Amino acid sequence: MQTVSEQLEILELKRKANVRYKEFAEKIVSQHKINLRMIQGSLERAEELAAHWRRKVEENDAEIKRLMEIERNERVGDE
């Protein structure tokens, strides 16, 4: 059977170990939060770029449609 002093010493050692594990876990959480913010920023930029190029494609499609209409009208006028 352990004495109270021995039990206290064991608990203090366990506490020190638990404090180290807690600090390690908190560092991991902190790093993941930083990584998450970086990923979020990257995702937002990618979404902005995708929206930009979607608009460009829509503009090109509209211009192609306009020019095809002009060309069709010219052919009809020539006939």
C-alpha atoms as a PDB file:
ATOM      1  CA  MET A   1       0.000   0.000   0.000  1.00  0.00           C
ATOM      2  CA  GLN A   2       1.257   3.458  -0.898  1.00  0.00           C
ATOM      3  CA  THR A   3       1.586   6.229   1.570  1.00  0.00           C
ATOM      4  CA  VAL A   4      -0.271   9.482   1.084  1.00  0.00           C
ATOM      5  CA  SER A   5       3.036  11.128   0.251  1.00  0.00           C
ATOM      6  CA  GLU A   6       3.733   8.540  -2.473  1.00  0.00           C
ATOM      7  CA  GLN A   7       0.214   8.900  -3.869  1.00  0.00           C
ATOM      8  CA  LEU A   8       0.657  12.684  -3.936  1.00  0.00           C
ATOM      9  CA  GLU A   9       3.989  12.368  -5.747  1.00  0.00           C
ATOM     10  CA  ILE A  10       2.441  10.061  -8.367  1.00  0.00           C
ATOM     11  CA  LEU A  11      -0.470  12.445  -8.903  1.00  0.00           C
ATOM     12  CA  GLU A  12       1.907  15.375  -9.301  1.00  0.00           C
ATOM     13  CA  LEU A  13       3.858  13.459 -11.954  1.00  0.00           C
ATOM     14  CA  LYS A  14       0.610  12.572 -13.759  1.00  0.00           C
ATOM     15  CA  ARG A  15      -0.446  16.213 -13.612  1.00  0.00           C
ATOM     16  CA  LYS A  16       2.862  17.363 -15.137  1.00  0.00           C
ATOM     17  CA  ALA A  17       2.426  14.869 -17.959  1.00  0.00           C
ATOM     18  CA  ASN A  18      -1.177  15.952 -18.499  1.00  0.00           C
ATOM     19  CA  VAL A  19      -0.118  19.609 -18.604  1.00  0.00           C
ATOM     20  CA  ARG A  20       2.441  18.777 -21.319  1.00  0.00           C
ATOM     21  CA  TYR A  21      -0.188  16.867 -23.323  1.00  0.00           C
ATOM     22  CA  LYS A  22      -2.638  19.749 -22.928  1.00  0.00           C
ATOM     23  CA  GLU A  23      -0.058  22.290 -24.123  1.00  0.00           C
ATOM     24  CA  PHE A  24       0.824  20.078 -27.073  1.00  0.00           C
ATOM     25  CA  ALA A  25      -2.839  19.694 -28.004  1.00  0.00           C
ATOM     26  CA  GLU A  26      -3.368  23.462 -27.737  1.00  0.00           C
ATOM     27  CA  LYS A  27      -0.403  24.067 -30.066  1.00  0.00           C
ATOM     28  CA  ILE A  28      -1.916  21.663 -32.599  1.00  0.00           C
ATOM     29  CA  VAL A  29      -5.277  23.440 -32.370  1.00  0.00           C
ATOM     30  CA  SER A  30      -3.565  26.808 -32.825  1.00  0.00           C
ATOM     31  CA  GLN A  31      -1.633  25.603 -35.879  1.00  0.00           C
ATOM     32  CA  HIS A  32      -4.757  24.076 -37.403  1.00  0.00           C
ATOM     33  CA  LYS A  33      -6.600  27.373 -36.931  1.00  0.00           C
ATOM     34  CA  ILE A  34      -3.789  29.186 -38.764  1.00  0.00           C
ATOM     35  CA  ASN A  35      -3.883  26.579 -41.538  1.00  0.00           C
ATOM     36  CA  LEU A  36      -7.654  26.856 -41.749  1.00  0.00           C
ATOM     37  CA  ARG A  37      -7.465  30.658 -42.142  1.00  0.00           C
ATOM     38  CA  MET A  38      -4.872  30.247 -44.896  1.00  0.00           C
ATOM     39  CA  ILE A  39      -7.011  27.659 -46.681  1.00  0.00           C
ATOM     40  CA  GLN A  40     -10.098  29.858 -46.307  1.00  0.00           C
ATOM     41  CA  GLY A  41      -8.231  32.789 -47.859  1.00  0.00           C
ATOM     42  CA  SER A  42      -7.021  30.597 -50.699  1.00  0.00           C
ATOM     43  CA  LEU A  43     -10.530  29.265 -51.278  1.00  0.00           C
ATOM     44  CA  GLU A  44     -11.971  32.778 -51.381  1.00  0.00           C
ATOM     45  CA  ARG A  45      -9.351  33.835 -53.931  1.00  0.00           C
ATOM     46  CA  ALA A  46     -10.079  30.750 -56.057  1.00  0.00           C
ATOM     47  CA  GLU A  47     -13.804  31.533 -55.941  1.00  0.00           C
ATOM     48  CA  GLU A  48     -13.095  35.118 -57.033  1.00  0.00           C
ATOM     49  CA  LEU A  49     -10.980  33.864 -59.942  1.00  0.00           C
ATOM     50  CA  ALA A  50     -13.639  31.346 -60.963  1.00  0.00           C
ATOM     51  CA  ALA A  51     -16.293  34.069 -60.924  1.00  0.00           C
ATOM     52  CA  HIS A  52     -14.037  36.364 -62.976  1.00  0.00           C
ATOM     53  CA  TRP A  53     -13.457  33.732 -65.654  1.00  0.00           C
ATOM     54  CA  ARG A  54     -17.134  32.736 -65.676  1.00  0.00           C
ATOM     55  CA  ARG A  55     -17.956  36.383 -66.491  1.00  0.00           C
ATOM     56  CA  LYS A  56     -15.305  36.403 -69.224  1.00  0.00           C
ATOM     57  CA  VAL A  57     -16.789  33.264 -70.805  1.00  0.00           C
ATOM     58  CA  GLU A  58     -20.275  34.781 -70.632  1.00  0.00           C
ATOM     59  CA  GLU A  59     -18.971  37.971 -72.278  1.00  0.00           C
ATOM     60  CA  ASN A  60     -17.294  35.929 -75.013  1.00  0.00           C
ATOM     61  CA  ASP A  61     -20.445  33.876 -75.565  1.00  0.00           C
ATOM     62  CA  ALA A  62     -22.518  37.052 -75.850  1.00  0.00           C
ATOM     63  CA  GLU A  63     -20.058  38.576 -78.335  1.00  0.00           C
ATOM     64  CA  ILE A  64     -20.009  35.370 -80.412  1.00  0.00           C
ATOM     65  CA  LYS A  65     -23.802  35.299 -80.428  1.00  0.00           C
ATOM     66  CA  ARG A  66     -23.931  38.971 -81.467  1.00  0.00           C
ATOM     67  CA  LEU A  67     -21.450  38.472 -84.302  1.00  0.00           C
ATOM     68  CA  MET A  68     -23.198  35.319 -85.518  1.00  0.00           C
ATOM     69  CA  GLU A  69     -26.461  37.265 -85.616  1.00  0.00           C
ATOM     70  CA  ILE A  70     -24.812  40.018 -87.650  1.00  0.00           C
ATOM     71  CA  GLU A  71     -23.300  37.454 -90.006  1.00  0.00           C
ATOM     72  CA  ARG A  72     -26.661  35.698 -90.389  1.00  0.00           C
ATOM     73  CA  ASN A  73     -28.380  39.015 -91.147  1.00  0.00           C
ATOM     74  CA  GLU A  74     -25.720  39.876 -93.736  1.00  0.00           C
ATOM     75  CA  ARG A  75     -26.244  36.532 -95.474  1.00  0.00           C
ATOM     76  CA  VAL A  76     -30.003  37.022 -95.464  1.00  0.00           C
ATOM     77  CA  GLY A  77     -29.523  40.553 -96.868  1.00  0.00           C
ATOM     78  CA  ASP A  78     -27.250  39.226 -99.633  1.00  0.00           C
ATOM     79  CA  GLU A  79     -29.872  36.741-100.801  1.00  0.00           C
END
